Amino acid sequence: MTGAVERAVRGWLDHLRVERGVSQHTLSAYERDLRRYVAYLTARGITDPAAIAEADVAEYSATLREGTAEHPALAASSAARNLVAVRGFHRFLTLEGDTVADAAAAVAPPRPPRRLPKAIPLDQVERLLAAASVGDTPASLRDRALLELLYGVGARVSEATGLDVDDLELDTDAVRVFGKGSKERIIPLGGYAKDALTAYLVRGRPALVATGKGTPALFVGQRGTRLSRQSVWNIVQASAERADLSGHISPHTLRHSFATHLLEGGADVRVVQELLGHASVTTTQIYTMVSVQQLREVFAAAHPRAR
């Protein structure tokens, strides 16, 4: 990135990384989205941020859904995410004084269809957790502890891989998690998760870290280094296959199940919001739709006048 627009993009990404504490995963996604935007502007002969007009952003938004010769059309959810990056970039330009007006302020991202979170019943969760334990090897102890934690505290995969040993507070049955924007939250740790973590720390982790150069990471791989996001996905999917669970099972499935089962058990939505680390309760309320849907299904099957 060498042009004026490209340098401005780099400035925004640096701002997000240094001053806003945005994760590297999110930064990489924004950079990919903005590369497509920069390519669009370059093709139109626009190299100065001050020359970008609202019409340019609106037309770009349309190309996201319609596609071009160089770039395929995006689904509504992907197009919305892309335009969120563009809007954030233009807002930054305005605040920095690089542009007089925000060219993207009036361009709304396409509204993706609202989907119910994927959750699995408790009996399937228990089968998945049991399938993580294959023998009593260090890796098996790690995998069981990892899955127990993902479901037990509703952690995001990035939060789980980012945990250090010192983030565990086993004496008070809690774990300190750092979510989006490095926001810290303390989550209670249930008995099953605590037992699995204790077994891993005593009999599993020492053998794994012995192969590396030393790390504070809680979950480590065979080389003694911090477990990657992809490794967590592989562990969950391998456990799902051993448990003979159909459908797509991911680390986020356990987070969705955590929230859904809490609400079905009578937990207040604002308590679940705090446990999940959602900035807005609106995000959490989508999980209540799962329970409502379940009520509808039971009603339709059981009530003589439901039709």
Protein backbone atom coordinates (compact mmCIF):
# COMPACT_ATOMS: atom_id res chain seq x y z
CA MET A 1 0.00 0.00 0.00
CA THR A 2 1.82 3.12 -1.24
CA GLY A 3 -0.83 5.61 -2.50
CA ALA A 4 -2.61 8.26 -0.42
CA VAL A 5 -5.70 6.11 0.09
CA GLU A 6 -3.55 3.10 0.92
CA ARG A 7 -1.53 5.08 3.47
CA ALA A 8 -4.76 6.30 5.04
CA VAL A 9 -5.97 2.70 5.33
CA ARG A 10 -2.72 1.76 7.04
CA GLY A 11 -3.14 4.68 9.43
CA TRP A 12 -6.63 3.51 10.38
CA LEU A 13 -5.49 -0.06 10.95
CA ASP A 14 -2.61 1.18 13.12
CA HIS A 15 -5.10 3.29 15.09
CA LEU A 16 -7.31 0.26 15.69
CA ARG A 17 -4.37 -1.88 16.76
CA VAL A 18 -2.59 0.59 19.03
CA GLU A 19 -5.33 2.81 20.43
CA ARG A 20 -8.39 0.59 20.25
CA GLY A 21 -6.80 -2.77 21.06
CA VAL A 22 -8.54 -4.56 18.18
CA SER A 23 -7.49 -8.19 17.77
CA GLN A 24 -5.17 -9.29 14.98
CA HIS A 25 -7.93 -11.52 13.61
CA THR A 26 -10.28 -8.54 13.21
CA LEU A 27 -7.50 -6.36 11.78
CA SER A 28 -6.72 -8.97 9.14
CA ALA A 29 -10.39 -9.15 8.16
CA TYR A 30 -10.62 -5.34 7.87
CA GLU A 31 -7.46 -5.25 5.78
CA ARG A 32 -8.82 -7.85 3.36
CA ASP A 33 -12.08 -5.91 3.03
CA LEU A 34 -10.35 -2.60 2.46
CA ARG A 35 -8.01 -4.02 -0.17
CA ARG A 36 -11.10 -4.70 -2.26
CA TYR A 37 -12.30 -1.13 -1.61
CA VAL A 38 -8.94 0.36 -2.56
CA ALA A 39 -8.90 -1.70 -5.77
CA TYR A 40 -12.38 -0.36 -6.61
CA LEU A 41 -11.29 3.24 -6.01
CA THR A 42 -8.08 2.79 -8.00
CA ALA A 43 -10.05 1.43 -10.95
CA ARG A 44 -12.13 4.63 -10.85
CA GLY A 45 -9.00 6.78 -10.78
CA ILE A 46 -9.50 7.87 -7.16
CA THR A 47 -6.25 8.01 -5.22
CA ASP A 48 -6.95 10.89 -2.80
CA PRO A 49 -9.23 10.21 0.22
CA ALA A 50 -10.66 13.74 -0.08
CA ALA A 51 -11.91 12.92 -3.58
CA ILE A 52 -14.15 10.05 -2.46
CA ALA A 53 -17.84 11.02 -2.70
CA GLU A 54 -20.93 9.44 -1.20
CA ALA A 55 -21.91 8.21 -4.67
CA ASP A 56 -18.64 6.30 -4.90
CA VAL A 57 -19.29 4.50 -1.62
CA ALA A 58 -22.91 3.77 -2.58
CA GLU A 59 -21.85 2.28 -5.91
CA TYR A 60 -19.18 0.23 -4.17
CA SER A 61 -21.82 -1.12 -1.81
CA ALA A 62 -23.87 -2.22 -4.82
CA THR A 63 -20.89 -4.01 -6.37
CA LEU A 64 -20.47 -6.05 -3.20
CA ARG A 65 -23.84 -7.72 -3.77
CA GLU A 66 -23.72 -7.73 -7.57
CA GLY A 67 -20.06 -8.64 -8.10
CA THR A 68 -17.61 -7.43 -10.73
CA ALA A 69 -15.31 -9.01 -13.29
CA GLU A 70 -12.50 -8.98 -10.70
CA HIS A 71 -14.46 -9.86 -7.56
CA PRO A 72 -17.40 -12.24 -7.09
CA ALA A 73 -20.63 -11.14 -5.42
CA LEU A 74 -20.75 -11.47 -1.64
CA ALA A 75 -23.49 -12.82 0.56
CA ALA A 76 -25.44 -10.19 2.49
CA SER A 77 -23.58 -10.96 5.72
CA SER A 78 -20.15 -10.68 4.06
CA ALA A 79 -21.16 -7.51 2.21
CA ALA A 80 -22.38 -5.98 5.46
CA ARG A 81 -19.10 -6.80 7.21
CA ASN A 82 -17.13 -5.31 4.30
CA LEU A 83 -19.10 -2.09 4.38
CA VAL A 84 -18.69 -1.84 8.16
CA ALA A 85 -14.94 -1.66 7.53
CA VAL A 86 -15.44 1.01 4.86
CA ARG A 87 -17.69 3.09 7.13
CA GLY A 88 -15.20 2.84 10.00
CA PHE A 89 -12.39 3.93 7.68
CA HIS A 90 -14.31 7.01 6.49
CA ARG A 91 -15.33 7.93 10.00
CA PHE A 92 -11.65 7.87 10.95
CA LEU A 93 -10.74 10.08 7.96
CA THR A 94 -13.28 12.67 9.06
CA LEU A 95 -12.19 12.63 12.70
CA GLU A 96 -8.55 13.02 11.64
CA GLY A 97 -9.43 15.97 9.41
CA ASP A 98 -8.36 14.23 6.20
CA THR A 99 -11.85 14.76 4.74
CA VAL A 100 -14.41 17.48 5.34
CA ALA A 101 -17.43 15.15 5.37
CA ASP A 102 -17.97 11.45 6.00
CA ALA A 103 -18.66 10.01 2.54
CA ALA A 104 -19.95 6.72 3.96
CA ALA A 105 -22.17 8.01 6.77
CA ALA A 106 -25.40 7.77 4.77
CA VAL A 107 -24.61 4.47 3.06
CA ALA A 108 -26.23 1.72 5.13
CA PRO A 109 -24.81 -1.80 4.95
CA PRO A 110 -27.12 -4.49 3.56
CA ARG A 111 -29.12 -6.16 6.28
CA PRO A 112 -28.17 -9.84 6.51
CA PRO A 113 -30.92 -12.33 7.29
CA ARG A 114 -31.25 -12.92 11.00
CA ARG A 115 -30.29 -16.47 11.80
CA LEU A 116 -30.86 -18.32 15.00
CA PRO A 117 -27.62 -19.34 16.70
CA LYS A 118 -26.69 -22.97 16.31
CA ALA A 119 -27.04 -24.79 19.63
CA ILE A 120 -27.10 -28.49 20.42
CA PRO A 121 -29.05 -30.27 23.18
CA LEU A 122 -27.40 -31.04 26.50
CA ASP A 123 -27.15 -34.76 25.78
CA GLN A 124 -25.18 -34.02 22.61
CA VAL A 125 -22.92 -31.62 24.52
CA GLU A 126 -22.18 -34.39 27.02
CA ARG A 127 -21.41 -36.84 24.19
CA LEU A 128 -19.06 -34.28 22.63
CA LEU A 129 -17.25 -33.67 25.93
CA ALA A 130 -16.91 -37.38 26.59
CA ALA A 131 -15.52 -37.94 23.08
CA ALA A 132 -12.74 -35.43 23.74
CA SER A 133 -11.20 -37.86 26.23
CA VAL A 134 -9.36 -40.59 24.38
CA GLY A 135 -7.27 -42.39 26.97
CA ASP A 136 -5.32 -40.47 29.60
CA THR A 137 -2.68 -38.82 27.41
CA PRO A 138 -1.57 -35.19 27.88
CA ALA A 139 -3.35 -34.22 24.64
CA SER A 140 -6.53 -35.98 25.72
CA LEU A 141 -6.52 -34.22 29.09
CA ARG A 142 -5.99 -30.90 27.27
CA ASP A 143 -8.80 -31.52 24.81
CA ARG A 144 -11.29 -32.39 27.56
CA ALA A 145 -10.29 -29.32 29.58
CA LEU A 146 -10.54 -27.13 26.48
CA LEU A 147 -14.04 -28.30 25.54
CA GLU A 148 -15.24 -28.17 29.14
CA LEU A 149 -14.05 -24.55 29.29
CA LEU A 150 -15.59 -23.57 25.93
CA TYR A 151 -18.98 -24.85 27.07
CA GLY A 152 -18.57 -24.10 30.78
CA VAL A 153 -17.88 -20.37 30.38
CA GLY A 154 -19.11 -19.66 26.83
CA ALA A 155 -15.69 -18.45 25.71
CA ARG A 156 -14.93 -17.43 22.15
CA VAL A 157 -12.22 -19.51 20.51
CA SER A 158 -9.86 -16.50 20.49
CA GLU A 159 -10.51 -15.99 24.20
CA ALA A 160 -9.72 -19.63 24.98
CA THR A 161 -6.49 -19.66 22.98
CA GLY A 162 -5.46 -16.34 24.56
CA LEU A 163 -5.74 -17.63 28.13
CA ASP A 164 -2.64 -17.88 30.30
CA VAL A 165 -2.32 -20.15 33.30
CA ASP A 166 -2.45 -17.11 35.58
CA ASP A 167 -5.90 -16.24 34.21
CA LEU A 168 -7.33 -19.23 36.07
CA GLU A 169 -8.51 -18.51 39.61
CA LEU A 170 -9.23 -22.06 40.74
CA ASP A 171 -9.28 -21.10 44.42
CA THR A 172 -12.32 -18.88 43.75
CA ASP A 173 -13.76 -21.05 40.94
CA ALA A 174 -13.41 -18.36 38.28
CA VAL A 175 -11.53 -17.55 35.09
CA ARG A 176 -10.42 -14.14 33.82
CA VAL A 177 -11.19 -13.75 30.12
CA PHE A 178 -10.12 -10.97 27.77
CA GLY A 179 -12.71 -10.41 25.06
CA LYS A 180 -13.07 -8.04 22.13
CA GLY A 181 -11.21 -4.80 22.62
CA SER A 182 -9.21 -6.48 25.42
CA LYS A 183 -12.19 -6.06 27.74
CA GLU A 184 -11.78 -8.16 30.84
CA ARG A 185 -14.55 -10.16 32.45
CA ILE A 186 -14.57 -12.66 35.32
CA ILE A 187 -16.66 -15.77 34.66
CA PRO A 188 -17.63 -18.40 37.26
CA LEU A 189 -16.08 -21.81 36.67
CA GLY A 190 -18.31 -24.86 37.13
CA GLY A 191 -17.23 -28.03 38.87
CA TYR A 192 -16.83 -30.14 35.72
CA ALA A 193 -14.67 -27.52 34.00
CA LYS A 194 -12.61 -27.00 37.16
CA ASP A 195 -11.96 -30.73 37.55
CA ALA A 196 -10.95 -31.10 33.89
CA LEU A 197 -8.65 -28.08 34.06
CA THR A 198 -7.05 -29.31 37.29
CA ALA A 199 -6.37 -32.73 35.75
CA TYR A 200 -4.85 -31.09 32.69
CA LEU A 201 -2.64 -28.74 34.73
CA VAL A 202 -1.36 -31.58 36.91
CA ARG A 203 -1.01 -34.46 34.44
CA GLY A 204 -1.21 -33.00 30.95
CA ARG A 205 0.26 -29.55 30.51
CA PRO A 206 3.68 -30.25 32.14
CA ALA A 207 4.42 -32.93 29.54
CA LEU A 208 3.35 -30.70 26.66
CA VAL A 209 5.30 -27.59 27.71
CA ALA A 210 8.41 -29.70 28.29
CA THR A 211 8.80 -29.98 24.52
CA GLY A 212 8.89 -26.19 24.07
CA LYS A 213 10.86 -23.21 25.35
CA GLY A 214 8.41 -22.18 28.04
CA THR A 215 5.15 -20.27 27.67
CA PRO A 216 2.51 -18.80 29.97
CA ALA A 217 -0.23 -20.13 27.66
CA LEU A 218 -2.86 -22.33 29.28
CA PHE A 219 -3.55 -24.50 26.24
CA VAL A 220 -0.47 -25.67 24.34
CA GLY A 221 0.17 -28.01 21.43
CA GLN A 222 2.54 -30.91 20.93
CA ARG A 223 5.46 -28.50 20.37
CA GLY A 224 4.86 -26.74 23.66
CA THR A 225 3.59 -23.52 22.06
CA ARG A 226 0.26 -21.76 22.43
CA LEU A 227 -2.60 -23.64 20.75
CA SER A 228 -3.84 -21.95 17.56
CA ARG A 229 -7.44 -21.15 16.64
CA GLN A 230 -7.30 -23.71 13.83
CA SER A 231 -6.09 -26.39 16.23
CA VAL A 232 -9.09 -25.73 18.48
CA TRP A 233 -11.41 -26.11 15.48
CA ASN A 234 -9.72 -29.40 14.61
CA ILE A 235 -10.06 -30.69 18.18
CA VAL A 236 -13.77 -29.85 18.32
CA GLN A 237 -14.49 -31.38 14.93
CA ALA A 238 -12.53 -34.55 15.72
CA SER A 239 -14.47 -34.92 18.98
CA ALA A 240 -17.76 -34.39 17.12
CA GLU A 241 -16.86 -37.15 14.67
CA ARG A 242 -16.01 -39.55 17.49
CA ALA A 243 -19.31 -38.63 19.18
CA ASP A 244 -21.13 -39.34 15.89
CA LEU A 245 -22.77 -35.89 15.91
CA SER A 246 -24.26 -34.82 12.60
CA GLY A 247 -24.23 -31.26 11.31
CA HIS A 248 -21.56 -28.60 11.59
CA ILE A 249 -20.10 -28.51 15.11
CA SER A 250 -17.62 -25.73 15.86
CA PRO A 251 -16.16 -24.04 18.95
CA HIS A 252 -18.87 -21.40 18.58
CA THR A 253 -21.50 -24.14 18.81
CA LEU A 254 -20.46 -24.64 22.42
CA ARG A 255 -20.71 -20.89 23.09
CA HIS A 256 -24.20 -20.82 21.56
CA SER A 257 -25.20 -23.86 23.58
CA PHE A 258 -23.85 -22.27 26.77
CA ALA A 259 -26.05 -19.19 26.27
CA THR A 260 -29.14 -21.11 25.13
CA HIS A 261 -29.03 -23.58 28.02
CA LEU A 262 -28.61 -20.77 30.55
CA LEU A 263 -31.67 -18.94 29.22
CA GLU A 264 -33.70 -22.14 29.06
CA GLY A 265 -32.72 -22.72 32.69
CA GLY A 266 -34.18 -19.36 33.71
CA ALA A 267 -31.12 -17.08 33.66
CA ASP A 268 -31.77 -13.38 33.10
CA VAL A 269 -30.78 -12.17 29.64
CA ARG A 270 -28.65 -9.37 31.11
CA VAL A 271 -26.70 -11.85 33.22
CA VAL A 272 -26.05 -13.92 30.08
CA GLN A 273 -25.00 -10.70 28.32
CA GLU A 274 -22.32 -10.12 30.95
CA LEU A 275 -21.13 -13.73 30.81
CA LEU A 276 -20.84 -13.64 27.01
CA GLY A 277 -19.16 -10.23 26.97
CA HIS A 278 -21.69 -8.67 24.60
CA ALA A 279 -21.53 -4.88 24.43
CA SER A 280 -25.29 -4.68 23.83
CA VAL A 281 -28.11 -6.77 25.25
CA THR A 282 -29.65 -6.73 21.76
CA THR A 283 -26.94 -9.14 20.61
CA THR A 284 -27.77 -11.49 23.47
CA GLN A 285 -31.51 -11.36 22.88
CA ILE A 286 -31.19 -13.37 19.68
CA TYR A 287 -30.62 -16.40 21.92
CA THR A 288 -34.06 -15.91 23.44
CA MET A 289 -35.47 -16.59 19.97
CA VAL A 290 -34.16 -20.14 20.24
CA SER A 291 -36.17 -20.75 23.39
CA VAL A 292 -39.26 -19.13 21.91
CA GLN A 293 -38.94 -21.35 18.84
CA GLN A 294 -38.69 -24.39 21.09
CA LEU A 295 -41.84 -23.30 22.90
CA ARG A 296 -43.65 -22.97 19.59
CA GLU A 297 -42.60 -26.47 18.55
CA VAL A 298 -43.77 -27.98 21.85
CA PHE A 299 -47.04 -26.05 21.63
CA ALA A 300 -47.68 -27.16 18.07
CA ALA A 301 -47.02 -30.78 18.95
CA ALA A 302 -48.93 -30.91 22.23
CA HIS A 303 -51.88 -28.52 22.11
CA PRO A 304 -55.08 -30.01 20.62
CA ARG A 305 -56.06 -26.70 19.03
CA ALA A 306 -52.63 -25.65 17.79
CA ARG A 307 -53.06 -26.88 14.17
